[in-house]
Amino acid sequence: MSARDALPPLQCLRAFEAAARHGSFTQAGRELNLTQSAISRQIKRLEEDLGRPLFARDHDGLRPTPAGENYYRVVRRVLRELADETTRQRRRGNERQLTLATSPAIASTWLARQLPLFREAHPDIELRILTVEDPYRLDLAEFDLGIYYHLSHEIDPPGLSADPIFHDEEVIAVCSPTYLECHDAIGGPHDLLTRHTLLIVEDHFRDWLTWQHWFESLGFDWQEPAHSLRANSYQLLLHSALAGQGVILCWSKLLKDDITQGRLVKALPQTLPSIGTLSLLTPQHRHMSQPAQRFTQWLLHPPQPAAP
């Protein structure tokens, strides 16, 4: 028997590693985008191949058998080394490259304005941006770090841990000064719905706060706006807001530069705490490259200015 013939299928090893790490077939399936029954079948196939049980169930739930614990340590190490080497190979020998995954909206607003500061501080690191709308669909082997809005009450995306980049974020309604110059003053929430244009994101993700949620959370009655511009692209609607086409919801810190420099102004005085926190997503169970370590330090623990 060759060494290749002695190896079980890779999908079985991935299912086993995830199930042992989570202590749950259901959680393993969520991470691997498989059903609980599919994970169970792959574990059964692996157990039949090895000729021994790998899990036992008791009143505390699912736990590895002694053989399963030993096998888990080996499989986890091998898969981590395989992921690390795959990542290095995909760099095409460029150890100075850092790949950041983020949504198109974050990439075109906040991140695009931060990268020149990072490049000035770390000119030897080559940056690559990967835009993926939904962090739950990321391929862990394709990037080093992710930047997304993350809900604290939801589990972290599969294989990732989340660290907040900034706290106490607020969602506010904004428009351009040009819009206010060309339209009557906005008299309040009801006036906004009946006489002004709302910019509405369609196909939003779980971290997004809708206009209806914003109104109802502030205790105001909601109705479909008399005028709206709808799109499935937040970047498009943001450009429309900057061009004076309507009123948009935004995160106060994500668009801090536009607000500070007067390109956007608050259309209403009300604010609502954000349901998401802009977070740095770090792949678990994988050695972090030096560029990723330096970016993490720069972003989460920036050097403090010297005291006068």
Protein backbone atom coordinates (compact mmCIF):
# COMPACT_ATOMS: atom_id res chain seq x y z
CA MET A 1 0.00 0.00 0.00
CA SER A 2 1.37 3.41 -0.97
CA ALA A 3 1.39 6.37 1.41
CA ARG A 4 -1.35 7.99 -0.66
CA ASP A 5 -3.58 4.92 -0.34
CA ALA A 6 -3.20 5.03 3.45
CA LEU A 7 -4.57 8.59 3.72
CA PRO A 8 -8.27 9.16 4.37
CA PRO A 9 -10.14 11.71 2.19
CA LEU A 10 -9.25 15.32 2.99
CA GLN A 11 -12.90 16.29 3.45
CA CYS A 12 -13.21 13.69 6.21
CA LEU A 13 -10.19 15.11 8.01
CA ARG A 14 -11.55 18.65 7.75
CA ALA A 15 -14.92 17.52 9.10
CA PHE A 16 -13.26 15.65 11.96
CA GLU A 17 -10.98 18.55 12.90
CA ALA A 18 -13.85 21.05 12.92
CA ALA A 19 -16.15 18.72 14.89
CA ALA A 20 -13.48 18.00 17.51
CA ARG A 21 -12.60 21.68 17.84
CA HIS A 22 -16.22 22.81 18.23
CA GLY A 23 -17.46 19.74 20.09
CA SER A 24 -20.43 19.79 17.74
CA PHE A 25 -21.34 18.35 14.35
CA THR A 26 -23.75 21.25 13.83
CA GLN A 27 -21.09 23.93 14.42
CA ALA A 28 -18.63 22.03 12.22
CA GLY A 29 -21.20 21.96 9.42
CA ARG A 30 -21.80 25.70 9.76
CA GLU A 31 -18.07 26.37 9.43
CA LEU A 32 -17.67 24.13 6.39
CA ASN A 33 -21.03 25.05 4.77
CA LEU A 34 -22.27 21.48 5.17
CA THR A 35 -25.30 19.97 6.87
CA GLN A 36 -25.02 18.25 10.23
CA SER A 37 -25.84 14.93 8.58
CA ALA A 38 -23.07 15.41 6.01
CA ILE A 39 -20.54 15.96 8.81
CA SER A 40 -21.87 12.87 10.58
CA ARG A 41 -21.46 10.74 7.43
CA GLN A 42 -17.89 11.90 6.92
CA ILE A 43 -17.00 11.16 10.55
CA LYS A 44 -18.56 7.72 10.22
CA ARG A 45 -16.55 7.07 7.06
CA LEU A 46 -13.37 8.10 8.86
CA GLU A 47 -14.18 5.89 11.86
CA GLU A 48 -14.80 2.92 9.57
CA ASP A 49 -11.50 3.57 7.81
CA LEU A 50 -9.62 3.70 11.14
CA GLY A 51 -11.57 0.84 12.68
CA ARG A 52 -12.34 2.69 15.94
CA PRO A 53 -14.73 5.34 17.27
CA LEU A 54 -13.48 8.92 17.40
CA PHE A 55 -16.37 10.50 19.33
CA ALA A 56 -18.58 9.57 22.24
CA ARG A 57 -21.77 11.21 23.44
CA ASP A 58 -22.58 11.82 27.08
CA HIS A 59 -24.72 14.23 29.15
CA ASP A 60 -22.29 17.06 28.31
CA GLY A 61 -22.64 16.50 24.57
CA LEU A 62 -20.07 15.38 22.03
CA ARG A 63 -16.49 14.60 23.10
CA PRO A 64 -13.55 12.85 21.42
CA THR A 65 -12.57 9.39 22.59
CA PRO A 66 -8.95 8.93 23.74
CA ALA A 67 -8.11 7.75 20.23
CA GLY A 68 -9.99 10.75 18.85
CA GLU A 69 -8.02 13.19 21.03
CA ASN A 70 -4.70 11.76 19.83
CA TYR A 71 -5.84 11.81 16.22
CA TYR A 72 -7.15 15.37 16.58
CA ARG A 73 -3.77 16.69 17.72
CA VAL A 74 -2.08 15.19 14.66
CA VAL A 75 -4.78 16.22 12.18
CA ARG A 76 -4.95 19.77 13.52
CA ARG A 77 -1.19 20.19 13.23
CA VAL A 78 -1.06 18.74 9.71
CA LEU A 79 -3.98 20.83 8.44
CA ARG A 80 -2.50 23.99 9.94
CA GLU A 81 0.88 23.30 8.32
CA LEU A 82 -0.86 22.55 5.01
CA ALA A 83 -2.82 25.83 5.21
CA ASP A 84 0.33 27.78 6.08
CA GLU A 85 2.31 26.29 3.21
CA THR A 86 -0.61 26.78 0.79
CA THR A 87 -0.74 30.45 1.77
CA ARG A 88 3.01 30.80 1.26
CA GLN A 89 2.82 29.14 -2.16
CA ARG A 90 -0.01 31.43 -3.22
CA ARG A 91 2.17 34.39 -2.38
CA ARG A 92 4.38 33.22 -5.27
CA GLY A 93 7.43 33.59 -3.10
CA ASN A 94 6.57 37.13 -2.01
CA GLU A 95 6.84 37.06 1.77
CA ARG A 96 6.30 40.82 1.95
CA GLN A 97 2.75 40.66 0.59
CA LEU A 98 -0.26 41.28 2.85
CA THR A 99 -3.74 40.38 1.58
CA LEU A 100 -6.64 42.16 3.29
CA ALA A 101 -10.20 40.90 2.75
CA THR A 102 -13.03 43.38 3.22
CA SER A 103 -16.37 44.46 1.78
CA PRO A 104 -16.49 46.81 -1.21
CA ALA A 105 -18.11 49.51 0.95
CA ILE A 106 -15.40 49.44 3.63
CA ALA A 107 -12.65 49.20 1.00
CA SER A 108 -13.86 52.27 -0.87
CA THR A 109 -14.58 54.42 2.19
CA TRP A 110 -12.56 53.88 5.35
CA LEU A 111 -9.82 51.47 4.26
CA ALA A 112 -8.79 53.41 1.16
CA ARG A 113 -7.99 56.38 3.41
CA GLN A 114 -6.06 54.35 5.97
CA LEU A 115 -3.77 52.46 3.61
CA PRO A 116 -1.57 55.44 2.69
CA LEU A 117 -0.82 55.90 6.40
CA PHE A 118 0.12 52.23 6.76
CA ARG A 119 2.25 52.26 3.62
CA GLU A 120 4.09 55.32 4.88
CA ALA A 121 4.85 53.52 8.15
CA HIS A 122 5.67 50.18 6.45
CA PRO A 123 6.88 50.89 2.90
CA ASP A 124 8.41 47.42 2.53
CA ILE A 125 5.03 45.63 2.72
CA GLU A 126 3.13 45.04 -0.52
CA LEU A 127 -0.64 45.28 -0.13
CA ARG A 128 -3.33 43.30 -1.92
CA ILE A 129 -7.06 43.95 -1.35
CA LEU A 130 -9.64 41.19 -1.78
CA THR A 131 -13.27 42.41 -1.79
CA VAL A 132 -15.88 39.88 -0.67
CA GLU A 133 -19.26 41.16 0.51
CA ASP A 134 -20.08 38.42 3.03
CA PRO A 135 -17.34 37.42 5.52
CA TYR A 136 -19.09 34.08 6.07
CA ARG A 137 -18.14 33.12 2.51
CA LEU A 138 -14.43 33.85 2.80
CA ASP A 139 -11.88 31.23 1.79
CA LEU A 140 -9.38 31.26 4.66
CA ALA A 141 -6.50 30.33 2.38
CA GLU A 142 -6.95 33.41 0.18
CA PHE A 143 -6.22 36.22 2.65
CA ASP A 144 -4.22 37.15 5.74
CA LEU A 145 -6.63 39.45 7.63
CA GLY A 146 -10.20 40.65 7.20
CA ILE A 147 -11.93 43.93 8.03
CA TYR A 148 -15.70 43.74 8.42
CA TYR A 149 -18.55 44.91 10.60
CA HIS A 150 -19.25 42.14 13.08
CA LEU A 151 -22.20 41.60 15.40
CA SER A 152 -21.14 40.86 18.98
CA HIS A 153 -24.10 38.54 19.63
CA GLU A 154 -23.33 36.34 16.62
CA ILE A 155 -20.63 33.72 16.37
CA ASP A 156 -17.44 34.74 14.60
CA PRO A 157 -17.24 33.79 10.92
CA PRO A 158 -15.96 30.22 10.51
CA GLY A 159 -12.29 29.87 11.40
CA LEU A 160 -11.93 33.55 12.32
CA SER A 161 -11.70 35.57 15.52
CA ALA A 162 -12.90 39.19 15.66
CA ASP A 163 -11.25 42.13 17.44
CA PRO A 164 -12.96 45.55 17.41
CA ILE A 165 -11.12 48.33 15.60
CA PHE A 166 -13.15 51.10 17.17
CA HIS A 167 -15.98 51.23 19.69
CA ASP A 168 -19.15 53.23 20.36
CA GLU A 169 -20.07 53.53 16.70
CA GLU A 170 -23.26 55.42 15.85
CA VAL A 171 -25.55 55.26 12.84
CA ILE A 172 -26.72 58.67 11.62
CA ALA A 173 -28.69 60.09 8.71
CA VAL A 174 -26.54 62.32 6.48
CA CYS A 175 -26.68 64.18 3.21
CA SER A 176 -24.50 66.65 1.36
CA PRO A 177 -24.70 70.41 1.98
CA THR A 178 -25.69 70.67 -1.70
CA TYR A 179 -28.82 68.61 -1.03
CA LEU A 180 -29.89 70.95 1.77
CA GLU A 181 -29.26 73.97 -0.45
CA CYS A 182 -31.47 72.58 -3.22
CA HIS A 183 -34.31 71.34 -1.02
CA ASP A 184 -36.41 72.62 1.81
CA ALA A 185 -35.07 72.08 5.31
CA ILE A 186 -35.76 68.65 6.78
CA GLY A 187 -38.30 69.28 9.53
CA GLY A 188 -38.05 65.89 11.24
CA PRO A 189 -38.45 62.15 10.68
CA HIS A 190 -41.98 62.39 9.27
CA ASP A 191 -40.93 65.22 6.93
CA LEU A 192 -37.97 63.10 5.78
CA LEU A 193 -40.31 60.26 4.78
CA THR A 194 -42.89 62.41 3.04
CA ARG A 195 -40.89 65.09 1.22
CA HIS A 196 -37.31 63.94 0.81
CA THR A 197 -35.39 61.21 -1.00
CA LEU A 198 -34.10 58.26 0.99
CA LEU A 199 -31.14 56.30 -0.36
CA ILE A 200 -31.92 52.66 0.39
CA VAL A 201 -29.58 49.66 0.27
CA GLU A 202 -31.15 46.49 -1.07
CA ASP A 203 -29.75 42.99 -0.44
CA HIS A 204 -28.14 44.16 2.79
CA PHE A 205 -26.23 41.79 5.06
CA ARG A 206 -26.73 40.95 8.72
CA ASP A 207 -24.56 43.81 9.94
CA TRP A 208 -26.60 46.47 8.14
CA LEU A 209 -29.14 48.75 9.83
CA THR A 210 -32.13 49.45 7.61
CA TRP A 211 -34.09 52.71 7.50
CA GLN A 212 -37.12 50.92 8.96
CA HIS A 213 -35.06 49.59 11.87
CA TRP A 214 -33.53 53.03 12.41
CA PHE A 215 -36.93 54.75 12.56
CA GLU A 216 -38.58 52.14 14.76
CA SER A 217 -35.61 51.88 17.15
CA LEU A 218 -35.83 55.63 17.73
CA GLY A 219 -39.55 55.36 18.45
CA PHE A 220 -40.80 56.92 15.21
CA ASP A 221 -43.55 55.57 12.96
CA TRP A 222 -42.30 54.02 9.75
CA GLN A 223 -43.89 54.17 6.33
CA GLU A 224 -42.56 53.66 2.85
CA PRO A 225 -40.87 56.91 1.76
CA ALA A 226 -42.53 59.04 -0.87
CA HIS A 227 -39.24 59.29 -2.76
CA SER A 228 -36.32 56.88 -2.81
CA LEU A 229 -33.30 55.75 -4.75
CA ARG A 230 -32.52 52.09 -4.27
CA ALA A 231 -29.44 50.05 -5.15
CA ASN A 232 -27.67 46.88 -4.02
CA SER A 233 -24.40 48.83 -3.77
CA TYR A 234 -23.68 51.02 -0.76
CA GLN A 235 -20.76 52.66 -2.58
CA LEU A 236 -23.10 53.77 -5.38
CA LEU A 237 -25.58 55.24 -2.91
CA LEU A 238 -22.82 56.95 -0.97
CA HIS A 239 -21.57 58.63 -4.15
CA SER A 240 -25.18 59.62 -4.82
CA ALA A 241 -25.39 61.19 -1.36
CA LEU A 242 -22.15 63.11 -1.93
CA ALA A 243 -23.58 64.32 -5.24
CA GLY A 244 -26.66 65.73 -3.50
CA GLN A 245 -29.14 63.06 -4.54
CA GLY A 246 -30.65 62.20 -1.16
CA VAL A 247 -30.25 61.16 2.48
CA ILE A 248 -28.34 58.04 3.50
CA LEU A 249 -27.65 56.14 6.70
CA CYS A 250 -23.98 55.89 7.60
CA TRP A 251 -21.61 54.87 10.36
CA SER A 252 -20.22 57.96 12.06
CA LYS A 253 -16.67 56.65 12.43
CA LEU A 254 -16.48 54.86 9.09
CA LEU A 255 -17.21 58.14 7.30
CA LYS A 256 -15.59 60.41 9.87
CA ASP A 257 -13.40 62.15 7.26
CA ASP A 258 -16.36 63.07 5.04
CA ILE A 259 -18.26 64.42 8.04
CA THR A 260 -15.31 66.28 9.55
CA GLN A 261 -14.45 67.91 6.22
CA GLY A 262 -18.06 68.92 5.58
CA ARG A 263 -18.75 66.74 2.53
CA LEU A 264 -21.56 65.13 4.53
CA VAL A 265 -23.69 66.72 7.27
CA LYS A 266 -26.28 65.32 9.65
CA ALA A 267 -29.75 65.49 8.13
CA LEU A 268 -31.42 64.78 11.49
CA PRO A 269 -30.06 65.18 15.03
CA GLN A 270 -31.01 61.64 16.13
CA THR A 271 -28.36 58.93 16.48
CA LEU A 272 -28.59 55.20 17.10
CA PRO A 273 -25.86 52.84 18.36
CA SER A 274 -24.55 50.62 15.59
CA ILE A 275 -25.55 46.96 15.72
CA GLY A 276 -22.14 46.10 14.26
CA THR A 277 -18.56 46.89 15.23
CA LEU A 278 -15.86 47.38 12.63
CA SER A 279 -13.55 44.48 13.45
CA LEU A 280 -10.29 42.90 12.40
CA LEU A 281 -10.84 39.24 11.52
CA THR A 282 -7.87 36.97 12.12
CA PRO A 283 -7.72 33.35 10.86
CA GLN A 284 -7.44 30.90 13.74
CA HIS A 285 -5.18 27.86 13.88
CA ARG A 286 -2.72 29.38 11.42
CA HIS A 287 0.62 31.06 11.95
CA MET A 288 0.35 34.79 11.27
CA SER A 289 2.79 36.16 8.71
CA GLN A 290 5.10 39.01 9.66
CA PRO A 291 3.22 41.54 7.46
CA ALA A 292 -0.04 40.48 9.14
CA GLN A 293 1.51 40.87 12.59
CA ARG A 294 2.76 44.35 11.74
CA PHE A 295 -0.60 45.44 10.32
CA THR A 296 -2.42 44.11 13.39
CA GLN A 297 -0.08 45.99 15.70
CA TRP A 298 -0.41 49.18 13.62
CA LEU A 299 -4.21 49.00 13.48
CA LEU A 300 -5.15 47.82 16.98
CA HIS A 301 -2.23 49.20 19.00
CA PRO A 302 -1.03 52.34 17.22
CA PRO A 303 1.92 54.18 18.76
CA GLN A 304 0.86 57.02 21.03
CA PRO A 305 2.20 60.50 20.28
CA ALA A 306 4.97 61.62 22.57
CA ALA A 307 3.96 63.89 25.43
CA PRO A 308 5.01 67.53 24.97
